[in-house]
C-alpha atoms as a PDB file:
ATOM      1  CA  MET A   1      13.830  -5.019  22.221  1.00  0.00           C
ATOM      2  CA  THR A   2      12.397  -1.755  20.368  1.00  0.00           C
ATOM      3  CA  GLY A   3      12.195   0.759  17.421  1.00  0.00           C
ATOM      4  CA  ASP A   4      10.093   1.728  14.170  1.00  0.00           C
ATOM      5  CA  PHE A   5       9.489  -1.623  12.794  1.00  0.00           C
ATOM      6  CA  ASN A   6       7.746  -0.628   9.475  1.00  0.00           C
ATOM      7  CA  ILE A   7       5.900  -4.135   9.593  1.00  0.00           C
ATOM      8  CA  ARG A   8       2.301  -4.068   9.035  1.00  0.00           C
ATOM      9  CA  ASP A   9       0.242  -6.778  11.194  1.00  0.00           C
ATOM     10  CA  TYR A  10      -3.315  -7.331  13.007  1.00  0.00           C
ATOM     11  CA  ARG A  11      -1.097  -8.655  16.030  1.00  0.00           C
ATOM     12  CA  TRP A  12      -0.542  -4.924  17.338  1.00  0.00           C
ATOM     13  CA  ASP A  13      -2.367  -2.943  14.820  1.00  0.00           C
ATOM     14  CA  PRO A  14      -6.301  -3.894  15.114  1.00  0.00           C
ATOM     15  CA  TYR A  15      -6.941  -1.448  12.115  1.00  0.00           C
ATOM     16  CA  TYR A  16      -5.036  -3.744  10.607  1.00  0.00           C
ATOM     17  CA  LEU A  17      -7.337  -6.638   8.986  1.00  0.00           C
ATOM     18  CA  PHE A  18      -3.998  -8.582   7.711  1.00  0.00           C
ATOM     19  CA  HIS A  19      -1.277 -10.793   8.363  1.00  0.00           C
ATOM     20  CA  SER A  20       2.752 -10.127   7.603  1.00  0.00           C
ATOM     21  CA  ILE A  21       4.964 -12.997   6.958  1.00  0.00           C
ATOM     22  CA  HIS A  22       7.882 -10.987   8.220  1.00  0.00           C
ATOM     23  CA  SER A  23       6.075 -10.832  11.585  1.00  0.00           C
ATOM     24  CA  ASN A  24       6.680 -14.047  11.591  1.00  0.00           C
ATOM     25  CA  SER A  25      10.852 -13.749  12.011  1.00  0.00           C
ATOM     26  CA  LEU A  26      10.557 -10.710  14.321  1.00  0.00           C
ATOM     27  CA  PHE A  27       8.644 -13.083  16.861  1.00  0.00           C
ATOM     28  CA  ASP A  28      11.302 -15.655  16.580  1.00  0.00           C
ATOM     29  CA  ILE A  29      14.028 -13.674  16.695  1.00  0.00           C
ATOM     30  CA  ALA A  30      12.168 -11.584  19.879  1.00  0.00           C
ATOM     31  CA  ASP A  31      12.145 -15.148  21.439  1.00  0.00           C
ATOM     32  CA  SER A  32      15.480 -16.141  21.069  1.00  0.00           C
ATOM     33  CA  PHE A  33      15.880 -13.877  23.272  1.00  0.00           C
ATOM     34  CA  SER A  34      13.398 -14.254  26.106  1.00  0.00           C
ATOM     35  CA  LEU A  35      11.242 -11.266  25.030  1.00  0.00           C
ATOM     36  CA  ASP A  36       7.437 -11.449  23.881  1.00  0.00           C
ATOM     37  CA  ILE A  37       6.059  -7.961  22.637  1.00  0.00           C
ATOM     38  CA  SER A  38       4.061  -5.928  25.122  1.00  0.00           C
ATOM     39  CA  ASN A  39       0.810  -3.741  24.478  1.00  0.00           C
ATOM     40  CA  PRO A  40       0.541   0.035  25.617  1.00  0.00           C
ATOM     41  CA  ILE A  41      -1.563   0.435  27.812  1.00  0.00           C
ATOM     42  CA  GLU A  42      -4.170   2.482  25.499  1.00  0.00           C
ATOM     43  CA  ASN A  43      -3.536   1.054  21.793  1.00  0.00           C
ATOM     44  CA  ILE A  44      -2.479   4.115  19.163  1.00  0.00           C
ATOM     45  CA  SER A  45      -1.112   4.732  16.292  1.00  0.00           C
ATOM     46  CA  THR A  46       2.496   5.828  15.881  1.00  0.00           C
ATOM     47  CA  ARG A  47       2.801   6.375  12.380  1.00  0.00           C
ATOM     48  CA  PHE A  48       0.539   8.738  11.148  1.00  0.00           C
ATOM     49  CA  SER A  49      -0.278   9.626   7.013  1.00  0.00           C
ATOM     50  CA  ASP A  50      -0.131  12.290   5.374  1.00  0.00           C
ATOM     51  CA  ASN A  51      -2.809  11.307   2.230  1.00  0.00           C
ATOM     52  CA  ASP A  52      -6.413  11.307   3.974  1.00  0.00           C
ATOM     53  CA  HIS A  53      -6.825   7.595   1.312  1.00  0.00           C
ATOM     54  CA  ASN A  54      -4.337   5.989   3.880  1.00  0.00           C
ATOM     55  CA  THR A  55      -4.527   5.177   7.503  1.00  0.00           C
ATOM     56  CA  ASN A  56      -2.431   5.467  10.521  1.00  0.00           C
ATOM     57  CA  SER A  57      -0.889   1.756  11.750  1.00  0.00           C
ATOM     58  CA  VAL A  58       1.565   1.147  14.070  1.00  0.00           C
ATOM     59  CA  LEU A  59       4.804   0.370  13.245  1.00  0.00           C
ATOM     60  CA  ASP A  60       6.684   1.012  16.605  1.00  0.00           C
ATOM     61  CA  LEU A  61       7.045  -1.119  18.966  1.00  0.00           C
ATOM     62  CA  VAL A  62       7.997  -2.655  22.101  1.00  0.00           C
ATOM     63  CA  PHE A  63       9.673  -6.643  23.204  1.00  0.00           C
ATOM     64  CA  LEU A  64      10.001  -7.152  27.188  1.00  0.00           C
ATOM     65  CA  CYS A  65      10.536  -9.874  29.041  1.00  0.00           C
ATOM     66  CA  PRO A  66       7.421 -10.822  30.155  1.00  0.00           C
ATOM     67  CA  SER A  67       8.860 -11.139  33.800  1.00  0.00           C
ATOM     68  CA  PHE A  68       9.363  -7.293  34.007  1.00  0.00           C
ATOM     69  CA  LEU A  69       6.441  -5.332  36.265  1.00  0.00           C
ATOM     70  CA  GLU A  70       6.601  -2.628  33.147  1.00  0.00           C
ATOM     71  CA  PHE A  71       5.228  -5.382  30.491  1.00  0.00           C
ATOM     72  CA  ASN A  72       1.604  -4.198  29.610  1.00  0.00           C
ATOM     73  CA  TRP A  73       2.206  -1.323  31.460  1.00  0.00           C
ATOM     74  CA  HIS A  74       3.526   1.080  28.959  1.00  0.00           C
ATOM     75  CA  CYS A  75       2.523   3.959  27.217  1.00  0.00           C
ATOM     76  CA  ILE A  76       2.311   5.978  23.524  1.00  0.00           C
ATOM     77  CA  HIS A  77       3.181   9.447  23.686  1.00  0.00           C
ATOM     78  CA  PRO A  78       1.500  10.364  19.728  1.00  0.00           C
ATOM     79  CA  GLU A  79       3.893  13.930  20.105  1.00  0.00           C
END
């Protein structure tokens, strides 16, 4: 399960210090399919702000079955 979930949360964005209640629902849905969030090899932003007052963020997420070889072994290419 992959996509732009438009949810900011400290669990996947190290520069965001807050928790979103919407991430709980997202994790409940993923869990119902036996999926868990897969972290990229290198944590980079997936949304780049055009406003100097806003920070870049991580909104694109990948959920995989933890037994997959690719789990926690993927790269994000910003371009």
